[in-house]
Amino acid sequence: MAKKEKEILENEAEMEADHAELRVYELGFHSDSELGVEEAKKVFDGIRAVIEKAGTLIALGEPVKVPLAYTVSRTEAGSRKDFDSAYFSWIAYETDGAGHEAVTAAARDESRIFRFLDIRTTKDAAKHSEEMHALMSKVPEPEHTEEEVSDVELDAALKEVV
């Protein structure tokens, strides 16, 4: 066997072993905010089922409606759709290379998901994210109150500044 052929076979064996290695990933995704809570939960549950079939669930954050920092546009069936808010969900999981491919393919094929990110992480980081998610969900939203300021008070404040 030639040296080059031997190197190719060794590289293929190394890639196959690497593909079989278990790794931890975190999939975060935005689904259409016009779906409603129940439908967003169905999207989440569908991705979760794929993950549970492909590997082990580590941590998760169920769908929460959030405003987006900027408008995201997507072309669907020849027309453009803009998203200013979305249901954000995330799931951390452990799987091999084939399972990871199945999960990302499921997220890509789900038409109600308009954006997703799948990254490698660690179990500790995933558990920490879950703890922080639980803490943040207990913090009440700050109340926005506007005080009425009279013209006299406003004039007095402006005179102090000048």
C-alpha atoms as a PDB file:
ATOM      1  CA  MET A   1       0.000   0.000   0.000  1.00  0.00           C
ATOM      2  CA  ALA A   2       1.374   3.367  -0.950  1.00  0.00           C
ATOM      3  CA  LYS A   3       2.167   5.944   1.700  1.00  0.00           C
ATOM      4  CA  LYS A   4      -0.493   8.366   0.382  1.00  0.00           C
ATOM      5  CA  GLU A   5      -3.229   5.690   0.432  1.00  0.00           C
ATOM      6  CA  LYS A   6      -2.267   4.752   3.981  1.00  0.00           C
ATOM      7  CA  GLU A   7      -2.531   8.412   5.075  1.00  0.00           C
ATOM      8  CA  ILE A   8      -5.978   8.707   3.471  1.00  0.00           C
ATOM      9  CA  LEU A   9      -7.215   5.593   5.279  1.00  0.00           C
ATOM     10  CA  GLU A  10      -5.820   6.841   8.591  1.00  0.00           C
ATOM     11  CA  ASN A  11      -7.513  10.234   8.113  1.00  0.00           C
ATOM     12  CA  GLU A  12     -10.837   8.545   7.309  1.00  0.00           C
ATOM     13  CA  ALA A  13     -10.571   6.344  10.411  1.00  0.00           C
ATOM     14  CA  GLU A  14      -9.775   9.397  12.544  1.00  0.00           C
ATOM     15  CA  MET A  15     -12.756  11.324  11.137  1.00  0.00           C
ATOM     16  CA  GLU A  16     -15.063   8.344  11.737  1.00  0.00           C
ATOM     17  CA  ALA A  17     -13.889   8.017  15.348  1.00  0.00           C
ATOM     18  CA  ASP A  18     -14.351  11.780  15.815  1.00  0.00           C
ATOM     19  CA  HIS A  19     -17.891  11.526  14.369  1.00  0.00           C
ATOM     20  CA  ALA A  20     -18.729   8.785  16.904  1.00  0.00           C
ATOM     21  CA  GLU A  21     -17.523  10.834  19.904  1.00  0.00           C
ATOM     22  CA  LEU A  22     -20.238  12.211  22.203  1.00  0.00           C
ATOM     23  CA  ARG A  23     -20.291  16.006  22.497  1.00  0.00           C
ATOM     24  CA  VAL A  24     -22.523  18.569  24.176  1.00  0.00           C
ATOM     25  CA  TYR A  25     -24.334  21.131  22.010  1.00  0.00           C
ATOM     26  CA  GLU A  26     -26.769  23.946  22.654  1.00  0.00           C
ATOM     27  CA  LEU A  27     -29.430  24.756  20.075  1.00  0.00           C
ATOM     28  CA  GLY A  28     -31.062  28.166  20.397  1.00  0.00           C
ATOM     29  CA  PHE A  29     -33.848  29.113  18.018  1.00  0.00           C
ATOM     30  CA  HIS A  30     -36.434  31.773  17.201  1.00  0.00           C
ATOM     31  CA  SER A  31     -39.887  30.777  16.044  1.00  0.00           C
ATOM     32  CA  ASP A  32     -42.545  33.061  14.581  1.00  0.00           C
ATOM     33  CA  SER A  33     -44.224  35.214  17.244  1.00  0.00           C
ATOM     34  CA  GLU A  34     -47.516  35.115  15.336  1.00  0.00           C
ATOM     35  CA  LEU A  35     -47.846  31.398  16.105  1.00  0.00           C
ATOM     36  CA  GLY A  36     -49.204  31.863  19.594  1.00  0.00           C
ATOM     37  CA  VAL A  37     -47.973  30.198  22.765  1.00  0.00           C
ATOM     38  CA  GLU A  38     -49.442  26.745  22.096  1.00  0.00           C
ATOM     39  CA  GLU A  39     -48.044  26.511  18.561  1.00  0.00           C
ATOM     40  CA  ALA A  40     -44.609  27.749  19.703  1.00  0.00           C
ATOM     41  CA  LYS A  41     -44.682  25.014  22.350  1.00  0.00           C
ATOM     42  CA  LYS A  42     -45.458  22.442  19.622  1.00  0.00           C
ATOM     43  CA  VAL A  43     -42.424  23.607  17.619  1.00  0.00           C
ATOM     44  CA  PHE A  44     -40.292  23.335  20.769  1.00  0.00           C
ATOM     45  CA  ASP A  45     -41.665  19.871  21.594  1.00  0.00           C
ATOM     46  CA  GLY A  46     -40.990  18.668  18.029  1.00  0.00           C
ATOM     47  CA  ILE A  47     -37.327  19.710  18.192  1.00  0.00           C
ATOM     48  CA  ARG A  48     -37.080  18.271  21.699  1.00  0.00           C
ATOM     49  CA  ALA A  49     -38.391  14.903  20.440  1.00  0.00           C
ATOM     50  CA  VAL A  50     -35.732  14.825  17.702  1.00  0.00           C
ATOM     51  CA  ILE A  51     -33.053  15.600  20.293  1.00  0.00           C
ATOM     52  CA  GLU A  52     -34.281  12.924  22.699  1.00  0.00           C
ATOM     53  CA  LYS A  53     -34.212  10.388  19.864  1.00  0.00           C
ATOM     54  CA  ALA A  54     -30.698  11.454  18.788  1.00  0.00           C
ATOM     55  CA  GLY A  55     -29.071  11.792  22.205  1.00  0.00           C
ATOM     56  CA  THR A  56     -29.468  12.905  25.799  1.00  0.00           C
ATOM     57  CA  LEU A  57     -31.236  16.051  26.969  1.00  0.00           C
ATOM     58  CA  ILE A  58     -29.031  18.136  29.316  1.00  0.00           C
ATOM     59  CA  ALA A  59     -30.958  21.392  29.931  1.00  0.00           C
ATOM     60  CA  LEU A  60     -33.643  23.507  28.288  1.00  0.00           C
ATOM     61  CA  GLY A  61     -35.381  26.838  28.145  1.00  0.00           C
ATOM     62  CA  GLU A  62     -38.994  26.682  26.986  1.00  0.00           C
ATOM     63  CA  PRO A  63     -40.398  29.253  24.525  1.00  0.00           C
ATOM     64  CA  VAL A  64     -40.488  32.841  25.757  1.00  0.00           C
ATOM     65  CA  LYS A  65     -41.736  35.721  23.623  1.00  0.00           C
ATOM     66  CA  VAL A  66     -38.998  38.332  23.248  1.00  0.00           C
ATOM     67  CA  PRO A  67     -38.549  41.517  21.228  1.00  0.00           C
ATOM     68  CA  LEU A  68     -35.717  41.266  18.711  1.00  0.00           C
ATOM     69  CA  ALA A  69     -32.883  43.790  18.766  1.00  0.00           C
ATOM     70  CA  TYR A  70     -33.431  44.408  15.056  1.00  0.00           C
ATOM     71  CA  THR A  71     -35.876  43.351  12.364  1.00  0.00           C
ATOM     72  CA  VAL A  72     -35.118  40.006  10.750  1.00  0.00           C
ATOM     73  CA  SER A  73     -36.471  39.483   7.222  1.00  0.00           C
ATOM     74  CA  ARG A  74     -37.106  36.200   5.482  1.00  0.00           C
ATOM     75  CA  THR A  75     -38.474  35.408   2.051  1.00  0.00           C
ATOM     76  CA  GLU A  76     -41.287  32.845   2.113  1.00  0.00           C
ATOM     77  CA  ALA A  77     -43.173  31.694  -0.975  1.00  0.00           C
ATOM     78  CA  GLY A  78     -42.100  34.710  -2.984  1.00  0.00           C
ATOM     79  CA  SER A  79     -43.028  37.286  -0.344  1.00  0.00           C
ATOM     80  CA  ARG A  80     -40.971  38.906   2.384  1.00  0.00           C
ATOM     81  CA  LYS A  81     -41.845  38.516   6.044  1.00  0.00           C
ATOM     82  CA  ASP A  82     -40.354  40.727   8.755  1.00  0.00           C
ATOM     83  CA  PHE A  83     -39.920  39.626  12.360  1.00  0.00           C
ATOM     84  CA  ASP A  84     -39.663  42.180  15.198  1.00  0.00           C
ATOM     85  CA  SER A  85     -40.347  39.649  17.959  1.00  0.00           C
ATOM     86  CA  ALA A  86     -40.086  35.882  18.328  1.00  0.00           C
ATOM     87  CA  TYR A  87     -40.472  32.959  20.676  1.00  0.00           C
ATOM     88  CA  PHE A  88     -36.964  32.125  21.857  1.00  0.00           C
ATOM     89  CA  SER A  89     -36.218  28.575  22.995  1.00  0.00           C
ATOM     90  CA  TRP A  90     -33.038  26.633  23.678  1.00  0.00           C
ATOM     91  CA  ILE A  91     -32.078  23.047  24.368  1.00  0.00           C
ATOM     92  CA  ALA A  92     -28.704  21.645  25.459  1.00  0.00           C
ATOM     93  CA  TYR A  93     -28.053  18.045  24.527  1.00  0.00           C
ATOM     94  CA  GLU A  94     -25.346  15.404  24.174  1.00  0.00           C
ATOM     95  CA  THR A  95     -25.014  13.318  21.031  1.00  0.00           C
ATOM     96  CA  ASP A  96     -22.599  11.961  18.446  1.00  0.00           C
ATOM     97  CA  GLY A  97     -21.947  13.412  14.993  1.00  0.00           C
ATOM     98  CA  ALA A  98     -24.869  11.656  13.309  1.00  0.00           C
ATOM     99  CA  GLY A  99     -27.272  12.789  16.027  1.00  0.00           C
ATOM    100  CA  HIS A 100     -25.998  16.355  15.745  1.00  0.00           C
ATOM    101  CA  GLU A 101     -26.625  16.308  11.999  1.00  0.00           C
ATOM    102  CA  ALA A 102     -30.177  15.030  12.586  1.00  0.00           C
ATOM    103  CA  VAL A 103     -30.915  17.833  15.073  1.00  0.00           C
ATOM    104  CA  THR A 104     -29.588  20.628  12.858  1.00  0.00           C
ATOM    105  CA  ALA A 105     -31.446  19.189   9.857  1.00  0.00           C
ATOM    106  CA  ALA A 106     -34.695  19.157  11.874  1.00  0.00           C
ATOM    107  CA  ALA A 107     -34.196  22.809  12.905  1.00  0.00           C
ATOM    108  CA  ARG A 108     -33.369  23.781   9.313  1.00  0.00           C
ATOM    109  CA  ASP A 109     -36.436  21.951   7.948  1.00  0.00           C
ATOM    110  CA  GLU A 110     -38.911  23.373  10.499  1.00  0.00           C
ATOM    111  CA  SER A 111     -40.569  26.224   8.594  1.00  0.00           C
ATOM    112  CA  ARG A 112     -41.830  27.915  11.777  1.00  0.00           C
ATOM    113  CA  ILE A 113     -38.228  28.418  12.957  1.00  0.00           C
ATOM    114  CA  PHE A 114     -36.747  31.416  11.172  1.00  0.00           C
ATOM    115  CA  ARG A 115     -33.352  31.496  12.881  1.00  0.00           C
ATOM    116  CA  PHE A 116     -31.258  29.061  14.889  1.00  0.00           C
ATOM    117  CA  LEU A 117     -27.754  28.678  16.253  1.00  0.00           C
ATOM    118  CA  ASP A 118     -26.200  25.385  17.290  1.00  0.00           C
ATOM    119  CA  ILE A 119     -22.914  25.537  19.208  1.00  0.00           C
ATOM    120  CA  ARG A 120     -20.669  23.189  21.149  1.00  0.00           C
ATOM    121  CA  THR A 121     -20.695  23.729  24.895  1.00  0.00           C
ATOM    122  CA  THR A 122     -20.154  21.833  28.137  1.00  0.00           C
ATOM    123  CA  LYS A 123     -22.575  20.196  30.549  1.00  0.00           C
ATOM    124  CA  ASP A 124     -21.583  22.666  33.262  1.00  0.00           C
ATOM    125  CA  ALA A 125     -22.247  25.677  31.034  1.00  0.00           C
ATOM    126  CA  ALA A 126     -25.612  24.224  29.960  1.00  0.00           C
ATOM    127  CA  LYS A 127     -26.670  23.618  33.571  1.00  0.00           C
ATOM    128  CA  HIS A 128     -25.578  27.153  34.490  1.00  0.00           C
ATOM    129  CA  SER A 129     -27.695  28.550  31.637  1.00  0.00           C
ATOM    130  CA  GLU A 130     -30.685  26.616  32.918  1.00  0.00           C
ATOM    131  CA  GLU A 131     -30.182  27.960  36.460  1.00  0.00           C
ATOM    132  CA  MET A 132     -29.856  31.549  35.170  1.00  0.00           C
ATOM    133  CA  HIS A 133     -32.971  31.103  33.009  1.00  0.00           C
ATOM    134  CA  ALA A 134     -34.927  29.959  36.083  1.00  0.00           C
ATOM    135  CA  LEU A 135     -33.670  32.905  38.159  1.00  0.00           C
ATOM    136  CA  MET A 136     -34.456  35.462  35.458  1.00  0.00           C
ATOM    137  CA  SER A 137     -37.981  34.133  35.030  1.00  0.00           C
ATOM    138  CA  LYS A 138     -38.648  34.910  38.727  1.00  0.00           C
ATOM    139  CA  VAL A 139     -37.547  38.548  38.466  1.00  0.00           C
ATOM    140  CA  PRO A 140     -40.564  40.816  37.940  1.00  0.00           C
ATOM    141  CA  GLU A 141     -40.577  43.192  35.000  1.00  0.00           C
ATOM    142  CA  PRO A 142     -39.776  46.732  36.079  1.00  0.00           C
ATOM    143  CA  GLU A 143     -42.780  49.025  36.108  1.00  0.00           C
ATOM    144  CA  HIS A 144     -42.440  52.040  33.876  1.00  0.00           C
ATOM    145  CA  THR A 145     -43.982  55.051  35.505  1.00  0.00           C
ATOM    146  CA  GLU A 146     -43.952  58.544  34.175  1.00  0.00           C
ATOM    147  CA  GLU A 147     -44.137  61.396  36.614  1.00  0.00           C
ATOM    148  CA  GLU A 148     -46.136  64.426  35.746  1.00  0.00           C
ATOM    149  CA  VAL A 149     -43.918  67.478  35.946  1.00  0.00           C
ATOM    150  CA  SER A 150     -45.516  70.876  36.006  1.00  0.00           C
ATOM    151  CA  ASP A 151     -44.328  73.662  33.756  1.00  0.00           C
ATOM    152  CA  VAL A 152     -43.203  75.605  36.819  1.00  0.00           C
ATOM    153  CA  GLU A 153     -41.001  72.709  38.031  1.00  0.00           C
ATOM    154  CA  LEU A 154     -39.608  72.249  34.540  1.00  0.00           C
ATOM    155  CA  ASP A 155     -38.780  75.967  34.223  1.00  0.00           C
ATOM    156  CA  ALA A 156     -37.100  75.934  37.651  1.00  0.00           C
ATOM    157  CA  ALA A 157     -34.984  72.896  36.696  1.00  0.00           C
ATOM    158  CA  LEU A 158     -33.912  74.517  33.422  1.00  0.00           C
ATOM    159  CA  LYS A 159     -32.915  77.752  35.205  1.00  0.00           C
ATOM    160  CA  GLU A 160     -30.703  75.719  37.588  1.00  0.00           C
ATOM    161  CA  VAL A 161     -28.880  74.116  34.660  1.00  0.00           C
ATOM    162  CA  VAL A 162     -28.247  77.370  32.810  1.00  0.00           C
END
